[in-house]
Amino acid sequence: MKVVSIRDIHIGMGIPKVIVPLIGRTIEELLLEIKSLQTNFEIIEWRADFLEGIEDITKVKKTLSTLREVLYPTPLLFTFRTHREGGSKIIEDSYYETLLVEVMKTKEVDLIDVELFSPKVTEIMQAAKGTDVFIIMSNHDFEKTPAKEEIIWRLKRMQELDAHISKIAVMPNNPTDVLTLLDATYTMYSLYADRPIITMAMASTGVISRLAGEVFGSAATFGSGVASSAPGQIPAVDLKYILGLIHTKQE
């Protein structure tokens, strides 16, 4: 399996990496979030859909440059989560493409989230070729958990589109849905994956999926800093401790 290496962080090797989202609405709020983090984490995600004035590319680039300067060498993931997949703002598909492509050009980020079902996914992936940015291709279902076969198909499709990392998050309506997600994760990991995958079941019902990545094959998980960006996120400090405990039992 290919490992995604960013400086001394190796996604797809060893203990699942903890990704901490920043959801501040302004640069001041974002800097306060960073200051409040109690420890260092492997990857920081900037959820840019929370930013006031996201429609201003110049403002986005300026904010990104500041975050990069403050956070370096911690790997930085840029995410604009669209409203249809649980994000906080509605934007045109054409601007979604423009935003991601312009962010790639800055060379200020290490990873960018690209949604599998974006109408602009092909154009964005084409623009990513020749850059040093790693692509996390994602899909989020906030209503249900698809069938095992559908989850696997989506993850495989992300590989076919040449994403470096494949990610899916689903909403469980009962514990059986969580088992479906974990079963799909392990099947994908053991039979089809040639690169890292990230999976999770959301909300309180799905918490176990955020902890069991090393057992079932998920290479990273999301933990909250000041506030969570998705239902069911565990405080990152607690998450890192639990993942470490599970890792020692796997050795």
C-alpha atoms as a PDB file:
ATOM      1  CA  MET A   1       0.000   0.000   0.000  1.00  0.00           C
ATOM      2  CA  LYS A   2       1.171   3.522  -0.816  1.00  0.00           C
ATOM      3  CA  VAL A   3       1.915   5.667   2.220  1.00  0.00           C
ATOM      4  CA  VAL A   4       1.290   9.410   2.070  1.00  0.00           C
ATOM      5  CA  SER A   5       4.307  11.073   3.675  1.00  0.00           C
ATOM      6  CA  ILE A   6       4.359  14.756   4.610  1.00  0.00           C
ATOM      7  CA  ARG A   7       7.624  15.608   6.322  1.00  0.00           C
ATOM      8  CA  ASP A   8       7.704  13.261   9.351  1.00  0.00           C
ATOM      9  CA  ILE A   9       4.007  12.310   9.199  1.00  0.00           C
ATOM     10  CA  HIS A  10       3.225   9.042   7.403  1.00  0.00           C
ATOM     11  CA  ILE A  11      -0.465   8.456   6.695  1.00  0.00           C
ATOM     12  CA  GLY A  12      -1.221   4.783   6.179  1.00  0.00           C
ATOM     13  CA  MET A  13       1.521   3.551   8.490  1.00  0.00           C
ATOM     14  CA  GLY A  14       1.230   2.745  12.174  1.00  0.00           C
ATOM     15  CA  ILE A  15      -1.170   4.466  14.526  1.00  0.00           C
ATOM     16  CA  PRO A  16      -4.032   6.388  12.859  1.00  0.00           C
ATOM     17  CA  LYS A  17      -3.244  10.069  12.556  1.00  0.00           C
ATOM     18  CA  VAL A  18      -5.365  12.614  14.443  1.00  0.00           C
ATOM     19  CA  ILE A  19      -6.722  15.458  12.309  1.00  0.00           C
ATOM     20  CA  VAL A  20      -7.926  18.520  14.223  1.00  0.00           C
ATOM     21  CA  PRO A  21     -10.299  20.942  12.461  1.00  0.00           C
ATOM     22  CA  LEU A  22     -10.169  24.718  12.799  1.00  0.00           C
ATOM     23  CA  ILE A  23     -13.599  26.308  12.358  1.00  0.00           C
ATOM     24  CA  GLY A  24     -13.064  29.967  13.232  1.00  0.00           C
ATOM     25  CA  ARG A  25     -15.042  32.563  11.289  1.00  0.00           C
ATOM     26  CA  THR A  26     -12.174  35.070  11.250  1.00  0.00           C
ATOM     27  CA  ILE A  27      -8.395  34.941  11.307  1.00  0.00           C
ATOM     28  CA  GLU A  28      -8.517  36.133  14.915  1.00  0.00           C
ATOM     29  CA  GLU A  29     -10.766  33.236  15.917  1.00  0.00           C
ATOM     30  CA  LEU A  30      -8.589  30.787  14.013  1.00  0.00           C
ATOM     31  CA  LEU A  31      -5.448  31.966  15.784  1.00  0.00           C
ATOM     32  CA  LEU A  32      -7.189  31.655  19.152  1.00  0.00           C
ATOM     33  CA  GLU A  33      -8.160  28.088  18.272  1.00  0.00           C
ATOM     34  CA  ILE A  34      -4.555  27.252  17.461  1.00  0.00           C
ATOM     35  CA  LYS A  35      -3.336  28.852  20.679  1.00  0.00           C
ATOM     36  CA  SER A  36      -5.816  26.813  22.717  1.00  0.00           C
ATOM     37  CA  LEU A  37      -4.678  23.427  21.390  1.00  0.00           C
ATOM     38  CA  GLN A  38      -3.304  21.504  24.333  1.00  0.00           C
ATOM     39  CA  THR A  39      -0.762  19.470  22.426  1.00  0.00           C
ATOM     40  CA  ASN A  40       0.659  18.992  18.954  1.00  0.00           C
ATOM     41  CA  PHE A  41      -1.349  16.936  16.506  1.00  0.00           C
ATOM     42  CA  GLU A  42      -0.325  15.216  13.312  1.00  0.00           C
ATOM     43  CA  ILE A  43      -2.529  17.208  10.919  1.00  0.00           C
ATOM     44  CA  ILE A  44      -4.550  20.419  11.153  1.00  0.00           C
ATOM     45  CA  GLU A  45      -7.612  20.894   8.941  1.00  0.00           C
ATOM     46  CA  TRP A  46      -8.819  24.353   8.019  1.00  0.00           C
ATOM     47  CA  ARG A  47     -12.571  24.151   7.446  1.00  0.00           C
ATOM     48  CA  ALA A  48     -12.686  27.178   5.189  1.00  0.00           C
ATOM     49  CA  ASP A  49     -16.460  26.994   4.731  1.00  0.00           C
ATOM     50  CA  PHE A  50     -16.767  28.584   8.183  1.00  0.00           C
ATOM     51  CA  LEU A  51     -14.761  31.656   7.135  1.00  0.00           C
ATOM     52  CA  GLU A  52     -16.638  34.934   6.790  1.00  0.00           C
ATOM     53  CA  GLY A  53     -15.939  36.320   3.326  1.00  0.00           C
ATOM     54  CA  ILE A  54     -14.988  33.000   1.753  1.00  0.00           C
ATOM     55  CA  GLU A  55     -16.085  34.476  -1.585  1.00  0.00           C
ATOM     56  CA  ASP A  56     -13.013  36.742  -1.525  1.00  0.00           C
ATOM     57  CA  ILE A  57     -10.110  34.711  -2.909  1.00  0.00           C
ATOM     58  CA  THR A  58      -7.579  37.303  -1.774  1.00  0.00           C
ATOM     59  CA  LYS A  59      -8.854  37.028   1.799  1.00  0.00           C
ATOM     60  CA  VAL A  60      -8.710  33.234   1.629  1.00  0.00           C
ATOM     61  CA  LYS A  61      -5.095  33.316   0.433  1.00  0.00           C
ATOM     62  CA  LYS A  62      -4.077  35.815   3.100  1.00  0.00           C
ATOM     63  CA  THR A  63      -5.701  33.738   5.838  1.00  0.00           C
ATOM     64  CA  LEU A  64      -4.116  30.589   4.479  1.00  0.00           C
ATOM     65  CA  SER A  65      -0.671  32.185   4.428  1.00  0.00           C
ATOM     66  CA  THR A  66      -1.020  33.221   8.067  1.00  0.00           C
ATOM     67  CA  LEU A  67      -2.142  29.753   9.116  1.00  0.00           C
ATOM     68  CA  ARG A  68       0.729  28.156   7.252  1.00  0.00           C
ATOM     69  CA  GLU A  69       3.260  30.417   8.924  1.00  0.00           C
ATOM     70  CA  VAL A  70       1.874  29.743  12.405  1.00  0.00           C
ATOM     71  CA  LEU A  71       1.369  26.007  11.997  1.00  0.00           C
ATOM     72  CA  TYR A  72       4.428  24.938  10.011  1.00  0.00           C
ATOM     73  CA  PRO A  73       5.767  22.228   9.968  1.00  0.00           C
ATOM     74  CA  THR A  74       2.437  20.625  10.943  1.00  0.00           C
ATOM     75  CA  PRO A  75       0.723  19.357   7.767  1.00  0.00           C
ATOM     76  CA  LEU A  76      -2.224  21.528   6.751  1.00  0.00           C
ATOM     77  CA  LEU A  77      -5.403  20.195   5.129  1.00  0.00           C
ATOM     78  CA  PHE A  78      -7.664  22.659   3.285  1.00  0.00           C
ATOM     79  CA  THR A  79     -11.351  21.754   3.245  1.00  0.00           C
ATOM     80  CA  PHE A  80     -14.342  23.598   1.905  1.00  0.00           C
ATOM     81  CA  ARG A  81     -17.243  21.355   2.817  1.00  0.00           C
ATOM     82  CA  THR A  82     -20.153  22.074   0.500  1.00  0.00           C
ATOM     83  CA  HIS A  83     -23.610  22.588   1.940  1.00  0.00           C
ATOM     84  CA  ARG A  84     -24.931  19.437   0.270  1.00  0.00           C
ATOM     85  CA  GLU A  85     -22.389  17.387   2.239  1.00  0.00           C
ATOM     86  CA  GLY A  86     -22.857  19.098   5.585  1.00  0.00           C
ATOM     87  CA  GLY A  87     -20.916  22.338   5.150  1.00  0.00           C
ATOM     88  CA  SER A  88     -21.915  25.723   6.488  1.00  0.00           C
ATOM     89  CA  LYS A  89     -22.175  27.699   3.242  1.00  0.00           C
ATOM     90  CA  ILE A  90     -23.731  27.389  -0.194  1.00  0.00           C
ATOM     91  CA  ILE A  91     -21.488  28.307  -3.133  1.00  0.00           C
ATOM     92  CA  GLU A  92     -21.667  27.741  -6.870  1.00  0.00           C
ATOM     93  CA  ASP A  93     -19.934  24.653  -8.230  1.00  0.00           C
ATOM     94  CA  SER A  94     -17.830  26.877 -10.474  1.00  0.00           C
ATOM     95  CA  TYR A  95     -16.532  28.804  -7.468  1.00  0.00           C
ATOM     96  CA  TYR A  96     -15.829  25.560  -5.599  1.00  0.00           C
ATOM     97  CA  GLU A  97     -13.535  24.591  -8.471  1.00  0.00           C
ATOM     98  CA  THR A  98     -11.918  28.037  -8.609  1.00  0.00           C
ATOM     99  CA  LEU A  99     -11.365  28.082  -4.853  1.00  0.00           C
ATOM    100  CA  LEU A 100      -9.653  24.702  -4.716  1.00  0.00           C
ATOM    101  CA  VAL A 101      -7.510  25.321  -7.779  1.00  0.00           C
ATOM    102  CA  GLU A 102      -6.367  28.725  -6.513  1.00  0.00           C
ATOM    103  CA  VAL A 103      -5.507  27.236  -3.115  1.00  0.00           C
ATOM    104  CA  MET A 104      -3.440  24.535  -4.820  1.00  0.00           C
ATOM    105  CA  LYS A 105      -1.466  27.217  -6.650  1.00  0.00           C
ATOM    106  CA  THR A 106      -0.460  28.931  -3.405  1.00  0.00           C
ATOM    107  CA  LYS A 107       1.652  25.946  -2.309  1.00  0.00           C
ATOM    108  CA  GLU A 108       0.586  26.821   1.249  1.00  0.00           C
ATOM    109  CA  VAL A 109      -1.257  23.550   1.908  1.00  0.00           C
ATOM    110  CA  ASP A 110      -0.177  19.933   2.017  1.00  0.00           C
ATOM    111  CA  LEU A 111      -3.568  18.323   1.446  1.00  0.00           C
ATOM    112  CA  ILE A 112      -6.861  19.409  -0.109  1.00  0.00           C
ATOM    113  CA  ASP A 113     -10.265  17.799   0.321  1.00  0.00           C
ATOM    114  CA  VAL A 114     -12.117  17.184  -2.959  1.00  0.00           C
ATOM    115  CA  GLU A 115     -15.666  15.863  -2.857  1.00  0.00           C
ATOM    116  CA  LEU A 116     -16.291  12.746  -4.928  1.00  0.00           C
ATOM    117  CA  PHE A 117     -19.702  13.865  -6.140  1.00  0.00           C
ATOM    118  CA  SER A 118     -18.756  17.426  -7.025  1.00  0.00           C
ATOM    119  CA  PRO A 119     -19.775  18.165 -10.631  1.00  0.00           C
ATOM    120  CA  LYS A 120     -16.285  19.647 -10.974  1.00  0.00           C
ATOM    121  CA  VAL A 121     -14.325  16.687  -9.616  1.00  0.00           C
ATOM    122  CA  THR A 122     -12.721  15.821 -12.964  1.00  0.00           C
ATOM    123  CA  GLU A 123     -11.567  19.384 -13.580  1.00  0.00           C
ATOM    124  CA  ILE A 124     -10.189  19.727 -10.058  1.00  0.00           C
ATOM    125  CA  MET A 125      -8.277  16.467 -10.264  1.00  0.00           C
ATOM    126  CA  GLN A 126      -6.823  17.499 -13.611  1.00  0.00           C
ATOM    127  CA  ALA A 127      -5.634  20.775 -12.089  1.00  0.00           C
ATOM    128  CA  ALA A 128      -4.029  18.888  -9.209  1.00  0.00           C
ATOM    129  CA  LYS A 129      -1.714  16.981 -11.526  1.00  0.00           C
ATOM    130  CA  GLY A 130       1.785  18.344 -11.423  1.00  0.00           C
ATOM    131  CA  THR A 131       1.326  19.945  -8.010  1.00  0.00           C
ATOM    132  CA  ASP A 132       2.754  18.731  -4.723  1.00  0.00           C
ATOM    133  CA  VAL A 133      -0.659  18.735  -3.044  1.00  0.00           C
ATOM    134  CA  PHE A 134      -2.094  15.454  -1.799  1.00  0.00           C
ATOM    135  CA  ILE A 135      -5.795  14.921  -2.505  1.00  0.00           C
ATOM    136  CA  ILE A 136      -8.177  13.504   0.078  1.00  0.00           C
ATOM    137  CA  MET A 137     -11.281  12.616  -1.895  1.00  0.00           C
ATOM    138  CA  SER A 138     -14.344  12.495   0.296  1.00  0.00           C
ATOM    139  CA  ASN A 139     -18.008  11.663   0.555  1.00  0.00           C
ATOM    140  CA  HIS A 140     -20.367  12.415   3.439  1.00  0.00           C
ATOM    141  CA  ASP A 141     -23.850  11.029   4.007  1.00  0.00           C
ATOM    142  CA  PHE A 142     -25.542  12.837   6.895  1.00  0.00           C
ATOM    143  CA  GLU A 143     -28.798  10.889   6.587  1.00  0.00           C
ATOM    144  CA  LYS A 144     -27.943   7.219   6.428  1.00  0.00           C
ATOM    145  CA  THR A 145     -25.370   4.482   6.048  1.00  0.00           C
ATOM    146  CA  PRO A 146     -25.234   3.104   2.498  1.00  0.00           C
ATOM    147  CA  ALA A 147     -24.996  -0.638   1.926  1.00  0.00           C
ATOM    148  CA  LYS A 148     -21.577  -2.228   2.342  1.00  0.00           C
ATOM    149  CA  GLU A 149     -21.198  -2.677  -1.410  1.00  0.00           C
ATOM    150  CA  GLU A 150     -21.992   0.982  -2.055  1.00  0.00           C
ATOM    151  CA  ILE A 151     -19.465   2.183   0.528  1.00  0.00           C
ATOM    152  CA  ILE A 152     -16.787   0.025  -1.078  1.00  0.00           C
ATOM    153  CA  TRP A 153     -17.750   1.225  -4.558  1.00  0.00           C
ATOM    154  CA  ARG A 154     -17.366   4.863  -3.538  1.00  0.00           C
ATOM    155  CA  LEU A 155     -13.957   4.247  -1.977  1.00  0.00           C
ATOM    156  CA  LYS A 156     -12.801   2.322  -5.045  1.00  0.00           C
ATOM    157  CA  ARG A 157     -14.090   5.084  -7.300  1.00  0.00           C
ATOM    158  CA  MET A 158     -11.934   7.585  -5.410  1.00  0.00           C
ATOM    159  CA  GLN A 159      -8.890   5.432  -6.147  1.00  0.00           C
ATOM    160  CA  GLU A 160      -9.856   5.287  -9.817  1.00  0.00           C
ATOM    161  CA  LEU A 161      -9.972   9.090  -9.877  1.00  0.00           C
ATOM    162  CA  ASP A 162      -6.395   9.061  -8.540  1.00  0.00           C
ATOM    163  CA  ALA A 163      -7.000  10.505  -5.084  1.00  0.00           C
ATOM    164  CA  HIS A 164      -4.086   9.937  -2.725  1.00  0.00           C
ATOM    165  CA  ILE A 165      -6.437   9.177   0.183  1.00  0.00           C
ATOM    166  CA  SER A 166     -10.067   8.002   0.066  1.00  0.00           C
ATOM    167  CA  LYS A 167     -12.482   9.134   2.770  1.00  0.00           C
ATOM    168  CA  ILE A 168     -16.111   8.402   3.588  1.00  0.00           C
ATOM    169  CA  ALA A 169     -18.277   9.423   6.545  1.00  0.00           C
ATOM    170  CA  VAL A 170     -21.767   8.043   7.098  1.00  0.00           C
ATOM    171  CA  MET A 171     -24.631   8.554   9.519  1.00  0.00           C
ATOM    172  CA  PRO A 172     -25.617   5.421  11.440  1.00  0.00           C
ATOM    173  CA  ASN A 173     -29.246   5.091  12.453  1.00  0.00           C
ATOM    174  CA  ASN A 174     -28.518   2.066  14.642  1.00  0.00           C
ATOM    175  CA  PRO A 175     -25.532  -0.024  15.789  1.00  0.00           C
ATOM    176  CA  THR A 176     -25.917  -2.352  12.808  1.00  0.00           C
ATOM    177  CA  ASP A 177     -25.074   0.562  10.535  1.00  0.00           C
ATOM    178  CA  VAL A 178     -21.800   1.016  12.407  1.00  0.00           C
ATOM    179  CA  LEU A 179     -20.985  -2.647  11.834  1.00  0.00           C
ATOM    180  CA  THR A 180     -21.740  -2.149   8.134  1.00  0.00           C
ATOM    181  CA  LEU A 181     -19.264   0.728   7.969  1.00  0.00           C
ATOM    182  CA  LEU A 182     -16.572  -1.220   9.811  1.00  0.00           C
ATOM    183  CA  ASP A 183     -17.143  -4.311   7.664  1.00  0.00           C
ATOM    184  CA  ALA A 184     -16.877  -2.223   4.497  1.00  0.00           C
ATOM    185  CA  THR A 185     -13.737  -0.556   5.827  1.00  0.00           C
ATOM    186  CA  TYR A 186     -11.938  -3.811   6.532  1.00  0.00           C
ATOM    187  CA  THR A 187     -13.027  -5.365   3.242  1.00  0.00           C
ATOM    188  CA  MET A 188     -11.800  -2.341   1.312  1.00  0.00           C
ATOM    189  CA  TYR A 189      -8.560  -2.199   3.283  1.00  0.00           C
ATOM    190  CA  SER A 190      -7.756  -5.894   3.000  1.00  0.00           C
ATOM    191  CA  LEU A 191      -8.884  -6.581  -0.576  1.00  0.00           C
ATOM    192  CA  TYR A 192      -8.923  -3.437  -2.692  1.00  0.00           C
ATOM    193  CA  ALA A 193      -7.094  -0.480  -1.174  1.00  0.00           C
ATOM    194  CA  ASP A 194      -3.705   0.414  -2.627  1.00  0.00           C
ATOM    195  CA  ARG A 195      -3.551   3.722  -0.729  1.00  0.00           C
ATOM    196  CA  PRO A 196      -4.762   4.993   2.666  1.00  0.00           C
ATOM    197  CA  ILE A 197      -8.463   5.165   3.443  1.00  0.00           C
ATOM    198  CA  ILE A 198     -10.293   7.121   6.138  1.00  0.00           C
ATOM    199  CA  THR A 199     -13.740   6.050   7.299  1.00  0.00           C
ATOM    200  CA  MET A 200     -16.068   6.945  10.135  1.00  0.00           C
ATOM    201  CA  ALA A 201     -19.627   6.598  11.338  1.00  0.00           C
ATOM    202  CA  MET A 202     -20.846   9.874  12.789  1.00  0.00           C
ATOM    203  CA  ALA A 203     -22.848  10.896  15.869  1.00  0.00           C
ATOM    204  CA  SER A 204     -22.681   9.212  19.265  1.00  0.00           C
ATOM    205  CA  THR A 205     -23.688   5.848  17.811  1.00  0.00           C
ATOM    206  CA  GLY A 206     -20.631   5.839  15.582  1.00  0.00           C
ATOM    207  CA  VAL A 207     -18.003   6.893  18.119  1.00  0.00           C
ATOM    208  CA  ILE A 208     -16.402   3.451  18.194  1.00  0.00           C
ATOM    209  CA  SER A 209     -15.524   3.791  14.497  1.00  0.00           C
ATOM    210  CA  ARG A 210     -13.388   6.848  15.282  1.00  0.00           C
ATOM    211  CA  LEU A 211     -11.359   4.801  17.749  1.00  0.00           C
ATOM    212  CA  ALA A 212     -10.959   1.493  15.925  1.00  0.00           C
ATOM    213  CA  GLY A 213      -9.204   2.619  12.762  1.00  0.00           C
ATOM    214  CA  GLU A 214      -6.042   0.633  13.354  1.00  0.00           C
ATOM    215  CA  VAL A 215      -8.068  -2.551  13.797  1.00  0.00           C
ATOM    216  CA  PHE A 216     -10.211  -2.152  10.670  1.00  0.00           C
ATOM    217  CA  GLY A 217      -7.899  -0.219   8.353  1.00  0.00           C
ATOM    218  CA  SER A 218      -8.769   3.469   8.640  1.00  0.00           C
ATOM    219  CA  ALA A 219      -5.581   5.545   8.486  1.00  0.00           C
ATOM    220  CA  ALA A 220      -6.751   8.702  10.260  1.00  0.00           C
ATOM    221  CA  THR A 221      -9.542  10.137  12.361  1.00  0.00           C
ATOM    222  CA  PHE A 222     -10.876  13.562  13.280  1.00  0.00           C
ATOM    223  CA  GLY A 223     -10.849  14.923  16.819  1.00  0.00           C
ATOM    224  CA  SER A 224     -12.209  18.240  18.024  1.00  0.00           C
ATOM    225  CA  GLY A 225     -10.071  21.111  19.251  1.00  0.00           C
ATOM    226  CA  VAL A 226     -12.088  24.050  20.563  1.00  0.00           C
ATOM    227  CA  ALA A 227     -15.253  22.831  18.837  1.00  0.00           C
ATOM    228  CA  SER A 228     -16.255  19.909  16.649  1.00  0.00           C
ATOM    229  CA  SER A 229     -16.851  20.161  12.916  1.00  0.00           C
ATOM    230  CA  ALA A 230     -19.010  17.038  12.690  1.00  0.00           C
ATOM    231  CA  PRO A 231     -21.324  15.091  15.005  1.00  0.00           C
ATOM    232  CA  GLY A 232     -19.611  12.530  17.209  1.00  0.00           C
ATOM    233  CA  GLN A 233     -16.104  13.980  17.226  1.00  0.00           C
ATOM    234  CA  ILE A 234     -14.133  13.224  20.376  1.00  0.00           C
ATOM    235  CA  PRO A 235     -11.819  15.818  21.947  1.00  0.00           C
ATOM    236  CA  ALA A 236      -8.504  15.368  20.164  1.00  0.00           C
ATOM    237  CA  VAL A 237      -6.492  15.002  23.372  1.00  0.00           C
ATOM    238  CA  ASP A 238      -8.666  12.097  24.525  1.00  0.00           C
ATOM    239  CA  LEU A 239      -8.684  10.590  21.059  1.00  0.00           C
ATOM    240  CA  LYS A 240      -4.910  10.599  20.800  1.00  0.00           C
ATOM    241  CA  TYR A 241      -4.602   8.861  24.164  1.00  0.00           C
ATOM    242  CA  ILE A 242      -7.115   6.134  23.273  1.00  0.00           C
ATOM    243  CA  LEU A 243      -5.538   5.509  19.874  1.00  0.00           C
ATOM    244  CA  GLY A 244      -2.166   5.151  21.554  1.00  0.00           C
ATOM    245  CA  LEU A 245      -3.592   2.663  24.030  1.00  0.00           C
ATOM    246  CA  ILE A 246      -5.138   0.568  21.257  1.00  0.00           C
ATOM    247  CA  HIS A 247      -1.884   0.727  19.294  1.00  0.00           C
ATOM    248  CA  THR A 248       0.109  -0.782  22.145  1.00  0.00           C
ATOM    249  CA  LYS A 249      -2.300  -3.725  22.227  1.00  0.00           C
ATOM    250  CA  GLN A 250      -1.882  -4.287  18.473  1.00  0.00           C
ATOM    251  CA  GLU A 251       1.867  -4.737  18.733  1.00  0.00           C
END
